[in-house]
N, C-alpha and C. Protein backbone atom coordinates (compact mmCIF):
# COMPACT_ATOMS: atom_id res chain seq x y z
N UNK A 1 0.52 -1.47 0.15
CA UNK A 1 -0.50 -0.21 0.10
C UNK A 1 1.32 1.12 0.09
N UNK A 2 0.84 2.28 -0.84
CA UNK A 2 1.64 3.38 -0.78
C UNK A 2 0.92 4.58 -0.31
N UNK A 3 1.55 5.09 0.57
CA UNK A 3 0.95 6.04 1.03
C UNK A 3 1.18 7.24 -0.08
N UNK A 4 -0.08 8.24 0.28
CA UNK A 4 -0.55 9.67 -0.56
C UNK A 4 0.30 10.10 -0.55
N UNK A 5 1.33 10.90 -1.54
CA UNK A 5 2.36 11.89 -1.15
C UNK A 5 1.64 13.13 -1.23
N UNK A 6 2.61 13.87 -0.71
CA UNK A 6 1.68 15.29 -0.20
C UNK A 6 1.33 16.09 -1.51
N UNK A 7 0.77 17.24 -1.89
CA UNK A 7 0.60 17.81 -2.48
C UNK A 7 1.84 18.79 -3.02
N UNK A 8 2.08 19.14 -4.42
CA UNK A 8 3.40 19.64 -4.99
C UNK A 8 3.14 20.92 -4.21
N UNK A 9 2.13 21.68 -4.13
CA UNK A 9 2.32 23.30 -3.21
C UNK A 9 3.27 23.08 -1.94
N UNK A 10 2.27 22.03 -1.55
CA UNK A 10 2.84 21.49 -0.19
C UNK A 10 4.73 21.29 0.00
N UNK A 11 4.61 20.65 -0.39
CA UNK A 11 6.16 20.16 -0.88
C UNK A 11 7.01 21.57 -1.15
N UNK A 12 6.50 22.27 -2.18
CA UNK A 12 7.98 23.44 -2.65
C UNK A 12 7.56 24.43 -1.09
N UNK A 13 6.63 24.47 -0.49
CA UNK A 13 6.25 25.26 0.87
C UNK A 13 7.24 24.62 1.99
N UNK A 14 7.43 23.27 2.10
CA UNK A 14 8.65 23.01 3.29
C UNK A 14 9.68 22.77 2.38
N UNK A 15 9.91 22.71 1.20
CA UNK A 15 11.05 22.88 1.17
C UNK A 15 11.75 24.33 1.08
N UNK A 16 10.82 25.46 0.87
CA UNK A 16 11.57 26.75 1.25
C UNK A 16 11.61 27.14 2.64
N UNK A 17 10.56 26.22 3.34
CA UNK A 17 10.68 26.27 4.86
C UNK A 17 12.31 26.20 5.85
N UNK A 18 12.36 25.08 5.14
CA UNK A 18 13.34 24.12 5.13
C UNK A 18 14.76 24.90 4.95
N UNK A 19 14.58 25.53 3.44
CA UNK A 19 15.94 26.07 3.17
C UNK A 19 15.99 27.55 3.72
N UNK A 20 15.30 27.74 4.48
CA UNK A 20 15.59 29.47 5.17
C UNK A 20 15.47 28.86 6.30
N UNK A 21 15.36 27.57 7.14
CA UNK A 21 16.13 27.60 8.41
C UNK A 21 17.27 26.75 8.66
N UNK A 22 17.85 26.08 7.33
CA UNK A 22 18.68 25.74 7.19
C UNK A 22 19.88 26.95 6.84
N UNK A 23 19.47 28.18 6.34
CA UNK A 23 20.12 29.13 5.98
C UNK A 23 20.28 29.89 7.14
N UNK A 24 19.66 29.56 8.13
CA UNK A 24 19.21 30.86 9.21
C UNK A 24 20.41 29.83 10.50
N UNK A 25 20.03 28.71 10.55
CA UNK A 25 20.78 27.80 11.19
C UNK A 25 22.15 28.05 10.98
N UNK A 26 23.14 27.67 9.48
CA UNK A 26 23.71 27.62 8.69
C UNK A 26 24.78 29.20 9.50
N UNK A 27 24.33 30.45 9.23
CA UNK A 27 24.79 31.74 9.79
C UNK A 27 24.76 31.42 11.31
N UNK A 28 24.29 30.82 12.12
CA UNK A 28 24.34 30.79 13.47
C UNK A 28 25.53 29.68 13.53
N UNK A 29 25.88 28.96 12.87
CA UNK A 29 26.82 27.85 12.99
C UNK A 29 27.69 28.74 12.48
N UNK A 30 28.08 29.55 11.40
CA UNK A 30 29.28 30.40 10.93
C UNK A 30 29.79 31.25 11.74
N UNK A 31 29.05 32.24 12.52
CA UNK A 31 29.07 33.24 13.78
C UNK A 31 29.68 32.11 14.57
N UNK A 32 29.27 31.33 15.24
CA UNK A 32 29.55 30.28 16.39
C UNK A 32 30.98 29.96 15.92
N UNK A 33 31.48 29.50 14.59
CA UNK A 33 33.32 29.56 14.49
C UNK A 33 33.77 30.63 14.43
N UNK A 34 33.27 31.82 13.76
CA UNK A 34 34.22 33.01 13.51
C UNK A 34 34.35 33.30 14.95
N UNK A 35 33.72 33.41 15.84
CA UNK A 35 34.34 34.33 16.98
C UNK A 35 35.19 33.48 17.51
N UNK A 36 35.57 31.93 17.67
CA UNK A 36 36.67 31.12 18.58
C UNK A 36 37.77 31.42 17.31
N UNK A 37 37.42 31.43 16.38
CA UNK A 37 38.67 31.96 15.28
C UNK A 37 39.24 32.86 15.13
N UNK A 38 38.68 34.32 15.35
CA UNK A 38 39.10 35.22 15.44
C UNK A 38 39.92 35.84 17.00
N UNK A 39 39.32 34.92 18.05
CA UNK A 39 39.94 35.00 19.21
C UNK A 39 41.33 34.41 19.21
N UNK A 40 41.38 33.24 18.17
CA UNK A 40 42.57 32.60 18.28
C UNK A 40 43.71 33.08 17.30
N UNK A 41 43.09 33.58 16.44
CA UNK A 41 44.07 34.61 15.47
C UNK A 41 44.96 35.46 15.99
N UNK A 42 44.14 36.48 17.01
CA UNK A 42 44.44 37.42 17.67
C UNK A 42 45.67 36.92 19.09
N UNK A 43 45.59 35.70 19.14
CA UNK A 43 46.62 35.22 20.14
C UNK A 43 45.76 34.87 21.20
N UNK A 44 44.72 34.45 21.50
CA UNK A 44 44.21 34.24 23.20
C UNK A 44 44.74 32.67 23.19
N UNK A 45 44.87 32.37 24.39
CA UNK A 45 44.74 31.38 24.67
C UNK A 45 43.54 30.19 24.59
N UNK A 46 43.75 29.03 24.18
CA UNK A 46 42.32 28.08 24.06
C UNK A 46 41.69 28.26 25.08
N UNK A 47 42.12 28.02 26.36
CA UNK A 47 41.54 27.29 27.47
C UNK A 47 40.80 28.88 27.95
N UNK A 48 41.81 29.82 27.89
CA UNK A 48 41.09 31.01 28.24
C UNK A 48 39.83 31.94 27.64
N UNK A 49 39.71 31.23 26.03
CA UNK A 49 38.39 31.17 25.41
C UNK A 49 37.40 30.78 25.81
N UNK A 50 37.37 29.71 26.87
CA UNK A 50 36.31 28.74 27.17
C UNK A 50 35.94 28.06 25.82
N UNK A 51 36.83 27.96 25.01
CA UNK A 51 36.44 26.56 23.97
C UNK A 51 36.05 25.82 23.78
N UNK A 52 35.91 25.04 24.90
CA UNK A 52 35.42 23.50 25.03
C UNK A 52 33.83 24.01 24.83
N UNK A 53 33.93 24.97 25.94
CA UNK A 53 31.71 25.34 25.38
C UNK A 53 31.48 25.53 24.39
N UNK A 54 32.05 26.19 23.22
CA UNK A 54 31.86 27.14 22.25
C UNK A 54 31.97 26.10 21.11
N UNK A 55 32.71 24.97 21.29
CA UNK A 55 32.97 23.85 20.23
C UNK A 55 31.62 23.36 20.51
N UNK A 56 31.09 23.01 22.04
CA UNK A 56 29.72 22.32 22.32
C UNK A 56 28.38 22.87 21.98
N UNK A 57 28.45 24.20 21.77
CA UNK A 57 27.54 24.73 21.32
C UNK A 57 27.10 25.01 19.37
N UNK A 58 28.90 25.08 18.63
CA UNK A 58 28.63 25.11 17.58
C UNK A 58 28.23 23.68 17.24
N UNK A 59 28.51 22.35 18.12
CA UNK A 59 28.22 21.69 17.50
C UNK A 59 26.80 20.76 17.52
N UNK A 60 26.42 21.53 18.41
CA UNK A 60 25.12 21.55 18.66
C UNK A 60 24.62 22.02 16.95
N UNK A 61 24.77 23.21 16.76
CA UNK A 61 24.21 24.24 15.66
C UNK A 61 24.35 22.88 14.10
N UNK A 62 25.58 22.56 13.78
CA UNK A 62 26.46 21.35 13.27
C UNK A 62 24.90 20.36 12.97
N UNK A 63 24.63 19.96 14.07
CA UNK A 63 24.29 18.42 14.02
C UNK A 63 22.59 19.05 13.74
N UNK A 64 21.90 20.32 14.15
CA UNK A 64 20.62 20.67 13.59
C UNK A 64 20.97 21.28 12.40
N UNK A 65 21.79 21.55 11.83
CA UNK A 65 21.92 21.67 10.40
C UNK A 65 22.24 20.70 9.72
N UNK A 66 22.57 19.70 9.98
CA UNK A 66 22.63 18.14 9.24
C UNK A 66 21.19 17.54 9.83
N UNK A 67 20.50 18.01 10.92
CA UNK A 67 19.16 16.70 10.41
C UNK A 67 18.17 17.59 9.41
N UNK A 68 18.33 19.13 9.93
CA UNK A 68 17.71 19.91 8.18
C UNK A 68 18.16 19.76 6.93
N UNK A 69 18.96 19.79 6.85
CA UNK A 69 19.44 18.70 5.77
C UNK A 69 19.13 17.63 5.49
N UNK A 70 18.90 16.59 6.53
CA UNK A 70 18.35 15.43 5.93
C UNK A 70 16.99 15.33 5.35
N UNK A 71 16.28 16.15 5.91
CA UNK A 71 14.96 16.60 5.62
C UNK A 71 14.29 17.35 4.41
N UNK A 72 15.50 18.13 3.83
CA UNK A 72 15.32 19.10 2.75
C UNK A 72 15.49 17.81 1.86
N UNK A 73 16.75 16.82 2.17
CA UNK A 73 16.98 16.23 1.27
C UNK A 73 15.67 15.14 0.85
N UNK A 74 14.87 14.55 1.52
CA UNK A 74 13.68 14.00 1.75
C UNK A 74 12.65 14.55 1.06
N UNK A 75 12.50 16.21 0.85
CA UNK A 75 11.44 16.80 0.52
C UNK A 75 12.04 17.02 -1.00
N UNK A 76 13.30 17.10 -1.09
CA UNK A 76 13.78 17.28 -2.76
C UNK A 76 13.43 16.42 -3.73
N UNK A 77 13.48 14.87 -2.83
CA UNK A 77 12.94 13.54 -3.63
C UNK A 77 11.70 13.64 -4.05
N UNK A 78 11.06 13.91 -2.82
CA UNK A 78 9.51 14.30 -3.10
C UNK A 78 9.27 14.91 -4.57
N UNK A 79 9.93 16.25 -4.37
CA UNK A 79 10.06 17.36 -5.86
C UNK A 79 10.34 16.78 -6.72
N UNK A 80 11.71 15.86 -6.93
CA UNK A 80 12.07 15.07 -8.10
C UNK A 80 11.24 14.53 -8.39
N UNK A 81 10.47 13.20 -7.62
CA UNK A 81 9.56 12.50 -8.15
C UNK A 81 8.09 13.68 -9.00
N UNK A 82 8.19 14.46 -8.52
CA UNK A 82 6.94 15.28 -9.35
C UNK A 82 7.31 15.63 -10.65
N UNK A 83 8.86 16.07 -10.59
CA UNK A 83 9.38 16.73 -11.69
C UNK A 83 9.30 15.38 -12.80
N UNK A 84 9.28 14.26 -12.36
CA UNK A 84 9.52 13.17 -13.14
C UNK A 84 8.23 12.95 -13.99
N UNK A 85 6.85 13.21 -12.85
CA UNK A 85 5.44 12.65 -13.48
C UNK A 85 4.83 13.83 -14.03
N UNK A 86 5.17 15.05 -14.16
CA UNK A 86 5.22 15.98 -14.72
C UNK A 86 5.92 16.81 -15.74
N UNK A 87 6.20 17.14 -17.09
CA UNK A 87 6.89 17.72 -17.72
C UNK A 87 6.42 19.02 -17.73
N UNK A 88 7.05 19.77 -16.70
CA UNK A 88 6.98 21.39 -16.63
C UNK A 88 8.41 21.89 -17.01
N UNK A 89 8.32 22.87 -17.25
CA UNK A 89 9.65 23.09 -18.47
C UNK A 89 10.65 23.81 -17.14
N UNK A 90 9.93 24.29 -15.91
CA UNK A 90 10.68 24.97 -14.82
C UNK A 90 11.33 23.55 -13.68
N UNK A 91 10.85 22.60 -13.79
CA UNK A 91 11.49 21.54 -13.14
C UNK A 91 12.43 21.29 -12.76
N UNK A 92 13.51 20.60 -14.36
CA UNK A 92 14.84 21.15 -14.17
C UNK A 92 15.38 21.92 -13.48
N UNK A 93 15.24 22.68 -14.01
CA UNK A 93 16.16 24.01 -13.42
C UNK A 93 16.34 24.27 -11.44
N UNK A 94 14.79 24.04 -11.53
CA UNK A 94 14.35 23.70 -9.92
C UNK A 94 15.16 22.75 -9.06
N UNK A 95 15.49 21.39 -9.77
CA UNK A 95 15.51 20.60 -9.45
C UNK A 95 16.78 20.73 -9.05
N UNK A 96 17.77 21.44 -10.15
CA UNK A 96 18.83 21.64 -10.11
C UNK A 96 19.27 22.62 -9.35
N UNK A 97 18.86 23.27 -8.90
CA UNK A 97 18.78 24.57 -7.54
C UNK A 97 18.33 23.89 -6.27
N UNK A 98 17.54 23.04 -6.37
CA UNK A 98 18.04 21.87 -5.01
C UNK A 98 18.98 21.18 -4.91
N UNK A 99 19.55 20.77 -5.51
CA UNK A 99 20.69 19.74 -6.05
C UNK A 99 21.63 20.47 -5.20
N UNK A 100 21.89 21.57 -6.10
CA UNK A 100 22.99 22.41 -5.80
C UNK A 100 22.91 22.50 -4.17
N UNK A 101 21.89 23.08 -3.41
CA UNK A 101 21.82 23.75 -2.36
C UNK A 101 21.86 22.68 -1.78
N UNK A 102 21.82 21.54 -1.47
CA UNK A 102 21.83 19.99 -0.87
C UNK A 102 23.91 19.93 -0.82
N UNK A 103 24.08 20.31 -1.72
CA UNK A 103 25.19 20.26 -2.25
C UNK A 103 26.32 20.86 -1.24
N UNK A 104 25.95 21.98 -1.14
CA UNK A 104 26.17 23.33 -0.32
C UNK A 104 26.81 23.01 0.88
N UNK A 105 25.59 22.54 1.23
CA UNK A 105 24.87 22.30 2.92
C UNK A 105 25.76 21.46 3.36
N UNK A 106 25.88 20.21 2.53
CA UNK A 106 26.57 18.89 3.10
C UNK A 106 28.07 19.39 3.08
N UNK A 107 28.21 20.18 2.32
CA UNK A 107 30.28 20.10 1.97
C UNK A 107 30.23 21.07 3.50
N UNK A 108 29.58 22.32 3.66
CA UNK A 108 29.38 23.46 4.75
C UNK A 108 29.47 22.64 6.21
N UNK A 109 28.60 21.76 6.53
CA UNK A 109 28.14 20.66 7.39
C UNK A 109 29.63 19.79 7.39
N UNK A 110 30.30 19.27 6.73
CA UNK A 110 31.37 18.23 6.54
C UNK A 110 32.70 19.09 7.23
N UNK A 111 32.37 20.57 6.36
CA UNK A 111 34.04 21.10 6.77
C UNK A 111 33.90 21.61 8.26
N UNK A 112 32.87 22.25 8.47
CA UNK A 112 32.22 22.81 9.80
C UNK A 112 33.09 21.70 10.66
N UNK A 113 32.46 20.15 10.72
CA UNK A 113 32.54 19.38 11.48
C UNK A 113 34.46 18.75 11.69
N UNK A 114 34.59 19.19 10.95
CA UNK A 114 36.60 18.92 10.77
C UNK A 114 37.30 20.00 11.58
N UNK A 115 36.95 21.14 11.51
CA UNK A 115 36.95 22.28 12.29
C UNK A 115 37.01 22.35 13.60
N UNK A 116 35.79 21.59 13.75
CA UNK A 116 35.26 21.95 15.58
C UNK A 116 35.79 20.59 15.95
N UNK A 117 35.98 19.66 15.20
CA UNK A 117 36.71 18.29 15.69
C UNK A 117 38.51 18.84 15.96
N UNK A 118 38.89 19.81 15.45
CA UNK A 118 40.00 20.34 15.25
C UNK A 118 40.25 21.63 16.58
N UNK A 119 39.06 22.10 16.26
CA UNK A 119 38.84 22.89 17.69
C UNK A 119 38.75 22.24 19.03
N UNK A 120 37.81 21.13 18.99
CA UNK A 120 37.99 20.47 20.18
C UNK A 120 39.57 19.81 20.80
N UNK A 121 40.34 19.33 19.91
CA UNK A 121 41.22 19.16 20.39
C UNK A 121 42.63 20.17 20.81
N UNK A 122 42.35 21.16 20.94
CA UNK A 122 43.06 22.42 21.55
C UNK A 122 42.45 23.19 22.39
N UNK A 123 41.03 22.66 23.00
CA UNK A 123 40.05 23.33 23.99
C UNK A 123 40.78 23.56 25.43
N UNK A 124 41.60 22.93 25.29
CA UNK A 124 42.04 23.01 27.04
C UNK A 124 43.41 23.31 26.94
N UNK A 125 44.46 23.91 25.95
CA UNK A 125 45.45 23.95 26.01
C UNK A 125 45.92 25.44 26.25
N UNK A 126 46.58 26.12 26.90
CA UNK A 126 47.30 27.18 27.53
C UNK A 126 47.86 27.92 26.64
N UNK A 127 48.67 27.36 25.50
CA UNK A 127 49.07 27.99 24.29
C UNK A 127 48.99 27.03 23.10
N UNK A 128 48.54 28.05 21.91
CA UNK A 128 48.74 27.63 20.78
C UNK A 128 49.60 27.65 19.72
N UNK A 129 50.62 26.67 19.38
CA UNK A 129 51.82 27.32 18.82
C UNK A 129 51.62 27.47 16.99
N UNK A 130 52.25 28.34 16.78
CA UNK A 130 51.83 27.98 15.51
C UNK A 130 51.70 27.03 14.45
N UNK A 131 52.68 26.34 14.66
CA UNK A 131 52.36 25.18 13.94
C UNK A 131 50.98 24.33 14.14
N UNK A 132 50.57 24.54 15.63
CA UNK A 132 49.31 24.08 15.91
C UNK A 132 48.51 24.70 15.56
N UNK A 133 48.35 25.67 15.43
CA UNK A 133 47.73 27.01 14.46
C UNK A 133 47.48 26.45 13.31
N UNK A 134 48.20 26.66 12.51
CA UNK A 134 48.14 26.46 11.03
C UNK A 134 47.19 25.35 10.38
N UNK A 135 46.55 24.19 10.71
CA UNK A 135 46.02 23.17 10.66
C UNK A 135 44.37 23.64 10.72
N UNK A 136 44.26 24.26 11.51
CA UNK A 136 43.28 24.94 12.72
C UNK A 136 42.97 25.90 11.15
N UNK A 137 43.83 27.13 10.89
CA UNK A 137 43.52 27.88 10.61
C UNK A 137 42.83 27.09 8.91
N UNK A 138 43.64 26.25 8.33
CA UNK A 138 43.66 25.95 6.59
C UNK A 138 41.87 25.26 6.86
N UNK A 139 41.39 24.64 7.95
CA UNK A 139 40.05 24.27 8.33
C UNK A 139 38.82 25.35 7.99
N UNK A 140 39.33 27.16 8.60
CA UNK A 140 38.51 27.67 9.20
C UNK A 140 38.50 28.40 7.38
N UNK A 141 39.68 27.89 6.81
CA UNK A 141 39.57 29.16 5.58
C UNK A 141 39.29 28.21 4.72
N UNK A 142 38.62 26.93 4.51
CA UNK A 142 37.75 26.03 3.57
C UNK A 142 36.36 26.60 4.09
N UNK A 143 36.34 26.58 5.29
CA UNK A 143 34.78 27.04 5.87
C UNK A 143 34.19 28.42 4.52
N UNK A 144 35.15 29.43 5.36
CA UNK A 144 34.99 30.58 5.10
C UNK A 144 35.05 30.89 2.93
N UNK A 145 35.80 29.90 2.66
CA UNK A 145 35.50 30.06 1.22
C UNK A 145 34.47 29.57 0.55
N UNK A 146 33.78 28.43 1.26
CA UNK A 146 32.31 27.91 0.92
C UNK A 146 31.45 29.20 0.96
N UNK A 147 31.45 29.64 2.59
CA UNK A 147 30.61 31.19 2.54
C UNK A 147 30.66 31.65 1.44
N UNK A 148 31.79 32.29 1.54
CA UNK A 148 32.16 33.52 0.42
C UNK A 148 31.52 33.03 -0.94
N UNK A 149 31.96 32.19 -1.33
CA UNK A 149 31.37 31.82 -2.65
C UNK A 149 29.84 31.39 -2.56
N UNK A 150 29.01 31.25 -2.12
CA UNK A 150 27.84 31.43 -1.55
C UNK A 150 27.28 32.81 -1.18
N UNK A 151 27.82 33.22 -0.88
CA UNK A 151 27.58 34.21 -0.65
C UNK A 151 27.13 35.23 -2.15
N UNK A 152 28.22 35.28 -2.95
CA UNK A 152 28.70 35.80 -3.90
C UNK A 152 27.79 35.14 -5.20
N UNK A 153 26.96 33.84 -4.96
CA UNK A 153 26.16 33.48 -5.61
C UNK A 153 25.12 34.29 -5.75
N UNK A 154 24.59 34.40 -4.41
CA UNK A 154 23.33 35.36 -4.01
C UNK A 154 23.07 36.14 -4.54
N UNK A 155 24.42 36.91 -4.89
CA UNK A 155 24.15 38.24 -4.76
C UNK A 155 24.08 38.41 -6.98
């Protein structure tokens, strides 16, 4: 027995809502990562920053973003099924946009998780050496580059 699919307009509305939620959560996550990175860049000691608490908070946001992304992927699959059922001229472009958005958020969540793991490793250090800072800065640069590319595309 096949459950009835939700109407197309409902699926589209849910995708729009999830997209906004993901954008909001992603912005909060970015800001949650930016604050400790700026403090570390200024030479502050990781332990003095309360980095462990900041990492936990950012990890919670990353987890929320990943959950929303999972829901968005499911709704996008429903939307794709409508695209196969109806030959509307706008569907291919809309599907492509949804796929790009999911790919961006997947990459953002993955790179944020890498950065969070690196930050968790140094959270209790009194001092961070330049050699220790380099891989963390590299991970942050990857997150920033993704965010900058997304910002440039939206303008």
